[in-house]
Amino acid sequence: MKKLLFLLLTILSFNGVSQTYNLSDFKPKELHNSIRLNYILIDQPNNTYNYGDGSTYTLQPRMGLFGLNYNFPLNDWLYTGAGFHGAVYGDQGGLFTLGVNLGVNTQLYKNLYFDANVHIGGGGGFRSLVDGGGIIYPNVGLQYKNNGYAFGLQYGYVNFFTGIQKGDNISFFVEIPTSLRTTSYKHAQKSFTVNNETKDEVWRKPAVKSVQQITFDYLFPIGSSRNDGFGNFNNTTPITQTLSLLGFEYQRYLNKNTFVYAHVDAMYGGLRAGFMDVFFGIGKNFIETEYVNFFAKAGIGAAGGRIFPEGGLTMYPSVGADVKITKNFGLGLHGGYHKSVSGTFEAYTAGFSLKYHGLSGGIKDPYAAEKIKYINTQGIQIGVQNQTYFDVAILDRQYKEHDLELIALKINYDLNHRFYIAGEASFAYLGGAGGYAHGIFGLGIKSNKFLNDNFSLFVEAAAGVAGGGGVDSGEGVLVRPTVGINYHLNDNFSFTASGGQMWSPNGNVNSTNLNIGFTYGLSILNAKK
């Protein structure tokens, strides 16, 4: 074991050695992207559930969804991206979807634009309504745009095409511009000393301060919090046990002390797997020293699954403190209050997080006079995959094992030229388990390119949280090793195929899987003081 650990550290150290370059060697590209927040209101099926004890439950007539979409342009009129939706009104709390977007945006007259797009993905809430979970959402409308900021009105048709939940709607959205400064993925994991000023305006802009963190939250339910009665909504019982959640959060600073953030959690202990939440909000650092920081945050979003049917709209204020272990890494402690706005679920929360503080995209500190001395180019790969899981154990179905099709978004964060951290979110869209989703993190290792630099191999070991859709994953812990191959079309774009095994230590899932997709690689500047 000691020899294996020594070998691993030796490999890491060799891959961490890098030549010093000049910033002018990196041709920059600034992507002018957008964050779109939308709200969709659709009619629900006229559906009544009849239980064996003679009681019934009738769906509420309407459901409201909020959407969080990140889009980037392909050219002057065509864009693509990814979107996430969650229920916030009605009784579908816990309904979430994940998918990809393709749209057209073109000017009609001055600030008035025509906008149309289609969202394709998977997700769901009540499995009886969505069955496999596949969703397609085409829409068309008008947009008013000024300096990148925009708002618009659209007509669309939400269609869970594998089930009966569908309907046309009028929706509205607001759009916030954002930018990402990058260079080619071939420049990943290089470094240079900032000893002269580059003439390129893209790099001379201030860096962006951000925080990424993995969070461990514990919810202590209070009040009238109750479960879903294991499918019988008239047979619920109070939730008194502690609920354990694993999550990820991204923070982007607006100024020295104020930041906006997006946060997602999934439950792995306390209830049958299936509860998750998504928040976005604003936070502020009130006391900040070199090593300790005290903060407060206020978030709003959607939550639900395995609790009594509610609208899903949830607020989450919290306070906490960070302790910096190094200039970039830290440990956070936090506590808060998790409350369904129009429902019964509420809980006090406590938890901790592992944080990475970074400055990216420029050679100047945006909020301090201290000079940035070194820059590293950080390699990142963003991928979309179709994932097939064979013979997945599903509860409450006539046939206990089904093949599932999932859509996945995957991000690889390079540690060096050989090792990387992988994060993935996947949602079912075919196979009778609509509402099933998983989020996993892992460590990967990749080979050098071979056969005229067209191919490379990789191996990954990942674990995380899974649940929903009746998949028999126990309380949700998931393990999945994979091995695969990449075909490199050019420096940035690759096709990928992999296979592996997924199992739940506390459940009955033990499934072989096959993944096919593509990745787009890029490099960003990470500043070191």
Protein backbone atom coordinates (compact mmCIF):
# COMPACT_ATOMS: atom_id res chain seq x y z
CA MET A 1 0.00 0.00 0.00
CA LYS A 2 2.86 2.40 0.85
CA LYS A 3 4.56 1.62 -2.47
CA LEU A 4 1.29 2.27 -4.35
CA LEU A 5 0.82 5.62 -2.55
CA PHE A 6 4.44 6.60 -3.29
CA LEU A 7 3.96 5.72 -6.99
CA LEU A 8 0.78 7.81 -7.19
CA LEU A 9 2.47 10.84 -5.60
CA THR A 10 5.44 10.45 -7.95
CA ILE A 11 3.16 10.41 -11.01
CA LEU A 12 1.33 13.49 -9.76
CA SER A 13 4.59 15.36 -9.18
CA PHE A 14 5.91 14.55 -12.64
CA ASN A 15 2.70 15.68 -14.31
CA GLY A 16 2.66 18.85 -12.24
CA VAL A 17 5.99 20.07 -13.71
CA SER A 18 5.31 22.66 -16.40
CA GLN A 19 7.33 24.98 -18.59
CA THR A 20 6.97 28.74 -18.09
CA TYR A 21 5.26 30.50 -21.01
CA ASN A 22 4.48 34.04 -22.11
CA LEU A 23 0.84 35.13 -22.03
CA SER A 24 1.06 36.20 -25.68
CA ASP A 25 1.44 32.48 -26.55
CA PHE A 26 -2.23 31.96 -25.63
CA LYS A 27 -4.78 33.27 -28.10
CA PRO A 28 -7.80 34.34 -26.04
CA LYS A 29 -11.48 33.93 -26.81
CA GLU A 30 -14.22 35.69 -24.85
CA LEU A 31 -17.58 33.88 -24.93
CA HIS A 32 -20.55 36.20 -24.41
CA ASN A 33 -23.04 33.84 -22.79
CA SER A 34 -26.35 34.32 -20.98
CA ILE A 35 -28.21 33.02 -17.95
CA ARG A 36 -31.95 32.69 -18.63
CA LEU A 37 -34.49 32.42 -15.80
CA ASN A 38 -37.98 31.46 -16.94
CA TYR A 39 -41.34 30.58 -15.40
CA ILE A 40 -43.79 28.15 -17.03
CA LEU A 41 -47.39 27.48 -15.93
CA ILE A 42 -49.13 24.41 -17.39
CA ASP A 43 -52.41 22.55 -16.84
CA GLN A 44 -52.23 19.19 -15.08
CA PRO A 45 -53.98 15.97 -16.16
CA ASN A 46 -57.42 15.46 -14.62
CA ASN A 47 -56.16 12.53 -12.57
CA THR A 48 -57.37 10.94 -9.30
CA TYR A 49 -55.41 8.32 -7.38
CA ASN A 50 -57.48 5.55 -5.77
CA TYR A 51 -55.91 3.68 -2.86
CA GLY A 52 -56.69 0.23 -1.53
CA ASP A 53 -58.14 1.64 1.68
CA GLY A 54 -60.85 3.46 -0.28
CA SER A 55 -59.30 6.94 -0.02
CA THR A 56 -58.46 9.12 -3.03
CA TYR A 57 -56.15 11.98 -4.00
CA THR A 58 -56.86 14.37 -6.91
CA LEU A 59 -54.11 16.35 -8.61
CA GLN A 60 -54.19 20.12 -8.39
CA PRO A 61 -55.20 21.61 -11.76
CA ARG A 62 -52.03 23.60 -12.52
CA MET A 63 -48.29 23.31 -12.06
CA GLY A 64 -45.63 26.03 -12.20
CA LEU A 65 -42.01 25.40 -13.23
CA PHE A 66 -39.04 27.69 -12.88
CA GLY A 67 -36.09 27.24 -15.21
CA LEU A 68 -32.38 28.01 -14.96
CA ASN A 69 -30.66 27.89 -18.36
CA TYR A 70 -27.07 28.64 -19.39
CA ASN A 71 -26.74 29.38 -23.11
CA PHE A 72 -23.83 30.33 -25.35
CA PRO A 73 -23.81 31.48 -29.00
CA LEU A 74 -22.69 29.28 -31.88
CA ASN A 75 -22.86 32.22 -34.30
CA ASP A 76 -24.75 35.52 -34.63
CA TRP A 77 -28.19 33.87 -34.62
CA LEU A 78 -27.83 30.30 -33.29
CA TYR A 79 -27.23 29.29 -29.66
CA THR A 80 -27.09 26.17 -27.54
CA GLY A 81 -26.79 25.35 -23.85
CA ALA A 82 -28.24 23.38 -20.97
CA GLY A 83 -31.29 23.93 -18.77
CA PHE A 84 -32.68 22.80 -15.44
CA HIS A 85 -36.33 23.06 -14.35
CA GLY A 86 -38.04 22.53 -11.00
CA ALA A 87 -41.66 22.66 -9.80
CA VAL A 88 -42.56 25.63 -7.56
CA TYR A 89 -46.38 25.76 -7.75
CA GLY A 90 -49.14 23.14 -7.49
CA ASP A 91 -48.48 19.78 -5.87
CA GLN A 92 -45.51 18.56 -7.92
CA GLY A 93 -42.70 19.61 -5.59
CA GLY A 94 -39.76 17.31 -6.36
CA LEU A 95 -40.34 17.41 -10.12
CA PHE A 96 -37.02 18.30 -11.78
CA THR A 97 -35.75 18.09 -15.35
CA LEU A 98 -32.37 18.36 -17.04
CA GLY A 99 -31.80 18.86 -20.74
CA VAL A 100 -30.03 20.58 -23.61
CA ASN A 101 -31.18 23.64 -25.56
CA LEU A 102 -30.91 24.66 -29.20
CA GLY A 103 -32.32 28.03 -30.23
CA VAL A 104 -32.54 30.85 -32.74
CA ASN A 105 -32.28 34.52 -31.78
CA THR A 106 -32.42 37.23 -34.44
CA GLN A 107 -33.12 40.96 -34.50
CA LEU A 108 -36.47 42.16 -35.82
CA TYR A 109 -36.35 45.89 -35.13
CA LYS A 110 -33.95 47.85 -32.93
CA ASN A 111 -34.15 46.22 -29.46
CA LEU A 112 -36.87 43.73 -30.43
CA TYR A 113 -35.74 40.17 -31.18
CA PHE A 114 -37.36 36.94 -32.35
CA ASP A 115 -36.45 33.98 -30.11
CA ALA A 116 -37.33 30.29 -30.51
CA ASN A 117 -35.76 27.22 -28.96
CA VAL A 118 -36.31 23.60 -28.09
CA HIS A 119 -35.36 21.93 -24.81
CA ILE A 120 -34.87 18.14 -24.85
CA GLY A 121 -34.08 16.06 -21.77
CA GLY A 122 -35.40 13.92 -18.97
CA GLY A 123 -36.91 14.20 -15.51
CA GLY A 124 -40.20 14.11 -13.69
CA GLY A 125 -42.02 13.88 -10.40
CA PHE A 126 -45.04 11.56 -10.08
CA ARG A 127 -43.88 8.55 -12.12
CA SER A 128 -47.49 7.72 -13.05
CA LEU A 129 -47.62 10.99 -15.01
CA VAL A 130 -44.26 10.90 -16.83
CA ASP A 131 -43.49 7.15 -17.04
CA GLY A 132 -39.97 7.16 -18.57
CA GLY A 133 -39.43 10.88 -17.98
CA GLY A 134 -38.57 12.10 -21.49
CA ILE A 135 -39.42 15.77 -22.07
CA ILE A 136 -39.42 18.01 -25.13
CA TYR A 137 -40.30 21.68 -24.76
CA PRO A 138 -40.43 23.77 -27.95
CA ASN A 139 -41.30 27.47 -27.61
CA VAL A 140 -41.36 30.65 -29.67
CA GLY A 141 -41.68 34.30 -28.72
CA LEU A 142 -40.37 37.85 -28.60
CA GLN A 143 -37.51 39.34 -26.63
CA TYR A 144 -36.56 42.91 -25.71
CA LYS A 145 -32.80 43.28 -25.32
CA ASN A 146 -30.62 46.16 -24.08
CA ASN A 147 -26.87 45.87 -23.37
CA GLY A 148 -27.17 42.10 -23.12
CA TYR A 149 -29.95 42.18 -20.51
CA ALA A 150 -33.31 41.00 -21.82
CA PHE A 151 -36.83 39.93 -20.99
CA GLY A 152 -39.30 38.08 -23.16
CA LEU A 153 -42.63 36.35 -23.60
CA GLN A 154 -43.07 32.96 -25.23
CA TYR A 155 -45.66 30.39 -26.24
CA GLY A 156 -44.61 26.78 -25.74
CA TYR A 157 -45.72 23.20 -25.27
CA VAL A 158 -44.34 21.15 -22.36
CA ASN A 159 -44.51 17.51 -23.41
CA PHE A 160 -43.44 14.58 -21.24
CA PHE A 161 -43.76 12.43 -24.34
CA THR A 162 -43.40 9.13 -22.44
CA GLY A 163 -46.41 9.90 -20.21
CA ILE A 164 -49.60 11.96 -19.86
CA GLN A 165 -48.20 15.15 -18.30
CA LYS A 166 -48.22 17.78 -21.05
CA GLY A 167 -49.80 21.06 -22.09
CA ASP A 168 -49.37 24.35 -23.91
CA ASN A 169 -48.50 27.53 -22.01
CA ILE A 170 -47.48 31.15 -22.01
CA SER A 171 -44.18 31.74 -20.22
CA PHE A 172 -41.93 34.68 -19.49
CA PHE A 173 -38.20 34.96 -18.92
CA VAL A 174 -35.40 37.33 -17.99
CA GLU A 175 -31.86 37.02 -19.30
CA ILE A 176 -28.61 38.14 -17.68
CA PRO A 177 -25.39 38.45 -19.71
CA THR A 178 -22.21 36.78 -18.55
CA SER A 179 -18.84 36.11 -20.12
CA LEU A 180 -16.19 33.41 -20.06
CA ARG A 181 -12.58 34.13 -21.09
CA THR A 182 -10.89 31.05 -22.48
CA THR A 183 -8.14 29.72 -24.68
CA SER A 184 -7.71 26.40 -26.50
CA TYR A 185 -7.66 23.17 -24.51
CA LYS A 186 -4.24 22.37 -26.01
CA HIS A 187 -2.83 25.08 -23.70
CA ALA A 188 -4.18 23.38 -20.55
CA GLN A 189 -1.92 22.94 -17.51
CA LYS A 190 0.68 25.52 -18.54
CA SER A 191 2.02 28.34 -16.41
CA PHE A 192 3.80 31.66 -16.72
CA THR A 193 5.04 34.52 -14.61
CA VAL A 194 3.20 37.85 -14.89
CA ASN A 195 6.24 40.02 -15.53
CA ASN A 196 4.94 42.27 -18.29
CA GLU A 197 1.66 43.62 -19.54
CA THR A 198 0.00 41.81 -22.41
CA LYS A 199 -1.44 43.96 -25.19
CA ASP A 200 -4.50 41.73 -25.50
CA GLU A 201 -7.50 43.48 -23.93
CA VAL A 202 -9.22 40.20 -23.06
CA TRP A 203 -6.47 39.12 -20.67
CA ARG A 204 -5.96 42.63 -19.25
CA LYS A 205 -9.45 42.64 -17.77
CA PRO A 206 -9.76 41.91 -14.03
CA ALA A 207 -10.06 38.28 -13.01
CA VAL A 208 -13.36 36.88 -11.73
CA LYS A 209 -13.49 35.84 -8.08
CA SER A 210 -15.42 32.61 -7.50
CA VAL A 211 -15.87 29.78 -5.02
CA GLN A 212 -16.73 26.15 -5.75
CA GLN A 213 -17.67 23.88 -2.88
CA ILE A 214 -18.88 20.40 -2.04
CA THR A 215 -21.42 20.60 0.80
CA PHE A 216 -22.67 18.16 3.42
CA ASP A 217 -26.00 19.27 4.88
CA TYR A 218 -28.08 17.78 7.69
CA LEU A 219 -31.77 18.67 7.97
CA PHE A 220 -33.61 18.41 11.30
CA PRO A 221 -37.34 18.45 10.39
CA ILE A 222 -39.75 20.38 12.62
CA GLY A 223 -43.42 21.40 12.64
CA SER A 224 -45.77 19.47 10.36
CA SER A 225 -43.09 17.92 8.14
CA ARG A 226 -44.28 14.54 6.88
CA ASN A 227 -43.38 11.91 4.32
CA ASP A 228 -45.35 10.83 1.23
CA GLY A 229 -46.95 7.81 2.90
CA PHE A 230 -44.90 5.56 0.59
CA GLY A 231 -47.14 6.57 -2.29
CA ASN A 232 -50.41 6.85 -0.36
CA PHE A 233 -50.77 10.57 0.25
CA ASN A 234 -53.55 9.98 2.80
CA ASN A 235 -51.33 7.76 4.93
CA THR A 236 -48.43 10.09 5.72
CA THR A 237 -46.43 10.08 8.95
CA PRO A 238 -44.31 12.80 10.60
CA ILE A 239 -40.62 13.04 9.68
CA THR A 240 -38.61 13.14 12.89
CA GLN A 241 -35.31 11.61 11.74
CA THR A 242 -32.27 13.56 10.52
CA LEU A 243 -31.98 13.83 6.73
CA SER A 244 -28.50 13.78 5.13
CA LEU A 245 -27.78 15.63 1.87
CA LEU A 246 -24.77 15.91 -0.43
CA GLY A 247 -24.50 18.98 -2.68
CA PHE A 248 -22.48 21.33 -4.84
CA GLU A 249 -22.45 25.14 -4.88
CA TYR A 250 -20.93 27.75 -7.20
CA GLN A 251 -20.47 31.36 -6.06
CA ARG A 252 -19.52 34.31 -8.25
CA TYR A 253 -18.60 37.62 -6.68
CA LEU A 254 -20.27 40.86 -7.79
CA ASN A 255 -17.96 42.99 -5.65
CA LYS A 256 -15.45 42.40 -2.86
CA ASN A 257 -18.02 41.16 -0.32
CA THR A 258 -21.21 40.27 -2.24
CA PHE A 259 -21.80 37.17 -4.36
CA VAL A 260 -24.54 35.33 -6.21
CA TYR A 261 -24.73 31.55 -6.07
CA ALA A 262 -26.39 28.39 -7.40
CA HIS A 263 -26.74 25.31 -5.20
CA VAL A 264 -28.01 21.74 -5.67
CA ASP A 265 -28.49 18.92 -3.11
CA ALA A 266 -29.59 15.29 -3.19
CA MET A 267 -30.49 13.15 -0.17
CA TYR A 268 -28.54 10.02 0.74
CA GLY A 269 -29.86 9.23 4.22
CA GLY A 270 -33.06 9.50 6.28
CA LEU A 271 -35.71 8.68 3.67
CA ARG A 272 -36.09 6.43 0.67
CA ALA A 273 -33.99 8.09 -2.05
CA GLY A 274 -35.67 10.78 -4.14
CA PHE A 275 -35.52 14.12 -2.30
CA MET A 276 -33.49 16.93 -3.87
CA ASP A 277 -33.37 20.72 -3.98
CA VAL A 278 -32.02 23.51 -6.18
CA PHE A 279 -31.45 27.11 -5.02
CA PHE A 280 -30.07 30.34 -6.35
CA GLY A 281 -29.57 33.47 -4.27
CA ILE A 282 -27.29 36.14 -2.94
CA GLY A 283 -24.79 36.26 -0.08
CA LYS A 284 -22.53 38.70 1.72
CA ASN A 285 -19.33 38.44 3.75
CA PHE A 286 -19.75 40.62 6.85
CA ILE A 287 -16.44 40.01 8.61
CA GLU A 288 -13.43 38.95 6.56
CA THR A 289 -9.86 38.46 7.77
CA GLU A 290 -6.90 36.69 6.22
CA TYR A 291 -7.96 33.31 7.60
CA VAL A 292 -11.60 33.60 8.84
CA ASN A 293 -14.73 34.85 7.11
CA PHE A 294 -18.31 35.21 8.44
CA PHE A 295 -21.16 35.26 5.89
CA ALA A 296 -24.93 35.23 5.44
CA LYS A 297 -26.94 33.95 2.46
CA ALA A 298 -30.55 34.02 1.28
CA GLY A 299 -31.69 31.48 -1.31
CA ILE A 300 -34.93 30.69 -3.12
CA GLY A 301 -35.62 27.65 -5.24
CA ALA A 302 -37.37 24.30 -5.49
CA ALA A 303 -37.34 21.19 -3.30
CA GLY A 304 -39.26 17.98 -2.85
CA GLY A 305 -39.52 14.25 -3.33
CA ARG A 306 -40.49 11.59 -0.74
CA ILE A 307 -42.42 14.21 1.24
CA PHE A 308 -46.10 15.18 1.18
CA PRO A 309 -47.07 16.71 -2.21
CA GLU A 310 -46.35 20.45 -2.15
CA GLY A 311 -45.74 23.23 -4.64
CA GLY A 312 -41.98 22.96 -4.32
CA LEU A 313 -41.13 26.66 -3.81
CA THR A 314 -38.64 26.77 -0.93
CA MET A 315 -36.59 29.42 0.84
CA TYR A 316 -33.26 28.77 2.53
CA PRO A 317 -31.55 31.53 4.58
CA SER A 318 -28.29 30.56 6.29
CA VAL A 319 -25.26 31.92 8.11
CA GLY A 320 -21.79 30.51 8.52
CA ALA A 321 -18.04 30.90 8.78
CA ASP A 322 -15.08 29.89 6.62
CA VAL A 323 -11.58 28.99 7.71
CA LYS A 324 -8.90 29.17 5.03
CA ILE A 325 -6.43 26.29 5.17
CA THR A 326 -4.38 27.60 2.22
CA LYS A 327 -4.81 30.59 -0.10
CA ASN A 328 -7.18 28.54 -2.25
CA PHE A 329 -8.66 25.82 -0.05
CA GLY A 330 -10.84 26.16 3.02
CA LEU A 331 -13.41 24.57 5.31
CA GLY A 332 -16.83 26.10 5.92
CA LEU A 333 -19.42 25.59 8.66
CA HIS A 334 -23.02 26.75 8.24
CA GLY A 335 -26.51 26.57 9.68
CA GLY A 336 -29.89 27.72 8.42
CA TYR A 337 -33.61 27.25 7.97
CA HIS A 338 -35.11 25.21 5.10
CA LYS A 339 -38.80 26.08 4.58
CA SER A 340 -41.43 25.20 1.97
CA VAL A 341 -43.17 28.51 1.19
CA SER A 342 -46.61 27.04 0.48
CA GLY A 343 -46.26 23.62 2.11
CA THR A 344 -45.63 21.90 5.42
CA PHE A 345 -42.01 20.81 5.17
CA GLU A 346 -39.54 22.80 7.28
CA ALA A 347 -36.26 22.03 8.98
CA TYR A 348 -33.32 23.55 10.77
CA THR A 349 -30.06 22.79 9.00
CA ALA A 350 -26.40 22.42 9.85
CA GLY A 351 -23.46 21.31 7.79
CA PHE A 352 -19.97 21.80 6.50
CA SER A 353 -18.33 22.33 3.11
CA LEU A 354 -15.00 21.89 1.36
CA LYS A 355 -14.23 25.09 -0.57
CA TYR A 356 -11.96 26.18 -3.40
CA HIS A 357 -11.41 29.94 -3.79
CA GLY A 358 -10.20 31.07 -7.20
CA LEU A 359 -9.45 34.02 -9.50
CA SER A 360 -9.94 33.24 -13.18
CA GLY A 361 -10.00 34.88 -16.60
CA GLY A 362 -7.58 37.79 -16.09
CA ILE A 363 -4.22 38.99 -14.78
CA LYS A 364 -5.49 41.55 -12.26
CA ASP A 365 -7.07 41.03 -8.85
CA PRO A 366 -10.48 42.74 -9.13
CA TYR A 367 -10.65 43.83 -5.47
CA ALA A 368 -7.09 44.07 -4.12
CA ALA A 369 -3.93 45.95 -4.99
CA GLU A 370 -1.79 42.85 -4.44
CA LYS A 371 -0.14 41.87 -7.70
CA ILE A 372 -0.88 38.53 -9.32
CA LYS A 373 2.48 36.83 -9.81
CA TYR A 374 1.65 33.57 -11.55
CA ILE A 375 -1.00 32.29 -13.96
CA ASN A 376 -1.93 28.67 -14.62
CA THR A 377 -4.09 27.56 -17.52
CA GLN A 378 -6.76 25.24 -16.14
CA GLY A 379 -8.11 22.54 -18.46
CA ILE A 380 -11.85 21.85 -18.32
CA GLN A 381 -13.95 19.50 -20.45
CA ILE A 382 -17.73 19.83 -20.69
CA GLY A 383 -19.66 16.87 -22.06
CA VAL A 384 -23.15 15.60 -22.90
CA GLN A 385 -23.84 11.88 -22.86
CA ASN A 386 -26.56 9.34 -23.50
CA GLN A 387 -26.25 6.69 -20.79
CA THR A 388 -27.82 3.22 -20.90
CA TYR A 389 -28.18 1.17 -17.70
CA PHE A 390 -29.20 -2.47 -18.18
CA ASP A 391 -31.53 -4.42 -15.87
CA VAL A 392 -31.98 -1.72 -13.23
CA ALA A 393 -33.96 -2.85 -10.17
CA ILE A 394 -37.20 -0.82 -9.90
CA LEU A 395 -39.72 -1.00 -7.07
CA ASP A 396 -43.51 -1.04 -7.47
CA ARG A 397 -43.49 -2.35 -11.06
CA GLN A 398 -44.81 -5.56 -12.60
CA TYR A 399 -41.38 -6.26 -14.09
CA LYS A 400 -38.74 -5.56 -11.46
CA GLU A 401 -35.83 -4.85 -13.83
CA HIS A 402 -35.77 -2.34 -16.68
CA ASP A 403 -33.23 -0.88 -19.08
CA LEU A 404 -32.97 2.87 -18.46
CA GLU A 405 -31.87 5.67 -20.79
CA LEU A 406 -30.44 8.80 -19.15
CA ILE A 407 -29.22 12.18 -20.39
CA ALA A 408 -26.10 13.39 -18.58
CA LEU A 409 -24.08 16.58 -18.24
CA LYS A 410 -20.47 15.92 -17.26
CA ILE A 411 -17.53 18.19 -16.34
CA ASN A 412 -13.91 17.07 -16.08
CA TYR A 413 -11.58 19.36 -14.12
CA ASP A 414 -7.93 18.58 -14.85
CA LEU A 415 -5.55 18.24 -11.91
CA ASN A 416 -2.62 17.81 -14.32
CA HIS A 417 -2.03 16.22 -17.72
CA ARG A 418 -2.93 12.78 -16.40
CA PHE A 419 -5.43 13.02 -13.53
CA TYR A 420 -8.78 14.83 -13.35
CA ILE A 421 -11.83 15.23 -11.15
CA ALA A 422 -15.15 14.33 -12.79
CA GLY A 423 -18.61 15.59 -11.83
CA GLU A 424 -21.85 14.42 -13.43
CA ALA A 425 -25.63 14.93 -13.25
CA SER A 426 -27.91 12.47 -15.06
CA PHE A 427 -31.71 12.23 -15.46
CA ALA A 428 -33.78 9.33 -16.83
CA TYR A 429 -35.86 9.85 -19.98
CA LEU A 430 -36.81 6.29 -21.06
CA GLY A 431 -37.39 3.01 -19.24
CA GLY A 432 -40.27 3.63 -16.87
CA ALA A 433 -38.33 5.43 -14.10
CA GLY A 434 -39.16 9.07 -14.79
CA GLY A 435 -37.92 11.22 -11.93
CA TYR A 436 -34.80 9.13 -11.36
CA ALA A 437 -31.59 11.18 -11.23
CA HIS A 438 -28.09 10.89 -9.86
CA GLY A 439 -25.19 13.18 -9.09
CA ILE A 440 -21.70 11.74 -8.76
CA PHE A 441 -18.08 12.86 -8.29
CA GLY A 442 -14.95 10.89 -8.98
CA LEU A 443 -11.30 10.67 -9.94
CA GLY A 444 -10.15 9.84 -13.46
CA ILE A 445 -6.87 9.03 -15.17
CA LYS A 446 -6.27 9.37 -18.91
CA SER A 447 -3.59 8.09 -21.27
CA ASN A 448 -1.47 9.96 -23.76
CA LYS A 449 -2.94 10.29 -27.24
CA PHE A 450 -2.03 7.55 -29.71
CA LEU A 451 -2.67 6.54 -33.36
CA ASN A 452 -1.74 9.94 -34.84
CA ASP A 453 -3.06 11.68 -31.72
CA ASN A 454 -6.61 10.65 -32.57
CA PHE A 455 -7.38 8.40 -29.59
CA SER A 456 -6.89 8.26 -25.83
CA LEU A 457 -8.08 5.95 -23.04
CA PHE A 458 -9.41 6.74 -19.55
CA VAL A 459 -10.52 5.08 -16.32
CA GLU A 460 -12.78 6.65 -13.68
CA ALA A 461 -13.93 5.72 -10.17
CA ALA A 462 -16.96 7.72 -8.99
CA ALA A 463 -19.53 7.73 -6.20
CA GLY A 464 -22.48 9.91 -5.26
CA VAL A 465 -26.22 10.04 -4.65
CA ALA A 466 -29.11 8.62 -6.68
CA GLY A 467 -32.87 8.37 -6.27
CA GLY A 468 -36.39 8.82 -7.57
CA GLY A 469 -38.44 7.00 -10.18
CA GLY A 470 -38.83 3.94 -7.97
CA VAL A 471 -35.25 2.82 -8.64
CA ASP A 472 -34.27 0.49 -5.79
CA SER A 473 -31.18 2.42 -4.67
CA GLY A 474 -31.99 2.27 -0.94
CA GLU A 475 -31.30 5.66 0.63
CA GLY A 476 -29.37 6.68 -2.47
CA VAL A 477 -25.62 5.95 -2.20
CA LEU A 478 -24.21 5.07 -5.62
CA VAL A 479 -20.84 3.70 -6.83
CA ARG A 480 -19.80 3.55 -10.51
CA PRO A 481 -16.40 2.68 -12.02
CA THR A 482 -16.00 3.12 -15.80
CA VAL A 483 -13.40 2.65 -18.53
CA GLY A 484 -13.57 4.36 -21.91
CA ILE A 485 -12.03 5.75 -25.08
CA ASN A 486 -11.95 9.22 -26.66
CA TYR A 487 -11.77 10.06 -30.35
CA HIS A 488 -10.23 13.53 -30.72
CA LEU A 489 -11.72 15.36 -33.70
CA ASN A 490 -9.51 18.40 -33.00
CA ASP A 491 -7.78 20.09 -30.05
CA ASN A 492 -11.08 20.95 -28.33
CA PHE A 493 -13.78 18.57 -29.55
CA SER A 494 -13.93 14.82 -28.81
CA PHE A 495 -16.35 11.93 -29.10
CA THR A 496 -16.35 9.55 -26.14
CA ALA A 497 -17.58 6.04 -25.34
CA SER A 498 -17.33 4.21 -22.03
CA GLY A 499 -18.75 1.34 -20.06
CA GLY A 500 -18.87 0.28 -16.46
CA GLN A 501 -20.89 -1.03 -13.55
CA MET A 502 -23.24 0.85 -11.22
CA TRP A 503 -24.37 -0.48 -7.87
CA SER A 504 -26.04 0.75 -4.69
CA PRO A 505 -24.44 -0.55 -1.47
CA ASN A 506 -27.72 -0.05 0.44
CA GLY A 507 -30.08 -1.04 -2.38
CA ASN A 508 -30.54 -3.68 -5.07
CA VAL A 509 -29.18 -1.85 -8.10
CA ASN A 510 -26.31 -3.68 -9.82
CA SER A 511 -26.34 -2.60 -13.44
CA THR A 512 -23.93 -2.68 -16.37
CA ASN A 513 -23.89 0.61 -18.24
CA LEU A 514 -22.82 2.09 -21.59
CA ASN A 515 -22.19 5.82 -22.23
CA ILE A 516 -21.85 7.60 -25.59
CA GLY A 517 -21.40 11.35 -26.05
CA PHE A 518 -19.09 14.23 -26.84
CA THR A 519 -16.95 16.72 -24.93
CA TYR A 520 -15.76 20.26 -25.58
CA GLY A 521 -12.48 21.26 -23.95
CA LEU A 522 -11.23 24.71 -23.03
CA SER A 523 -8.66 26.39 -20.80
CA ILE A 524 -9.19 29.26 -18.39
CA LEU A 525 -6.65 31.41 -16.56
CA ASN A 526 -6.26 30.73 -12.85
CA ALA A 527 -4.39 33.47 -10.98
CA LYS A 528 -1.92 32.73 -8.19
CA LYS A 529 -0.64 35.46 -5.87
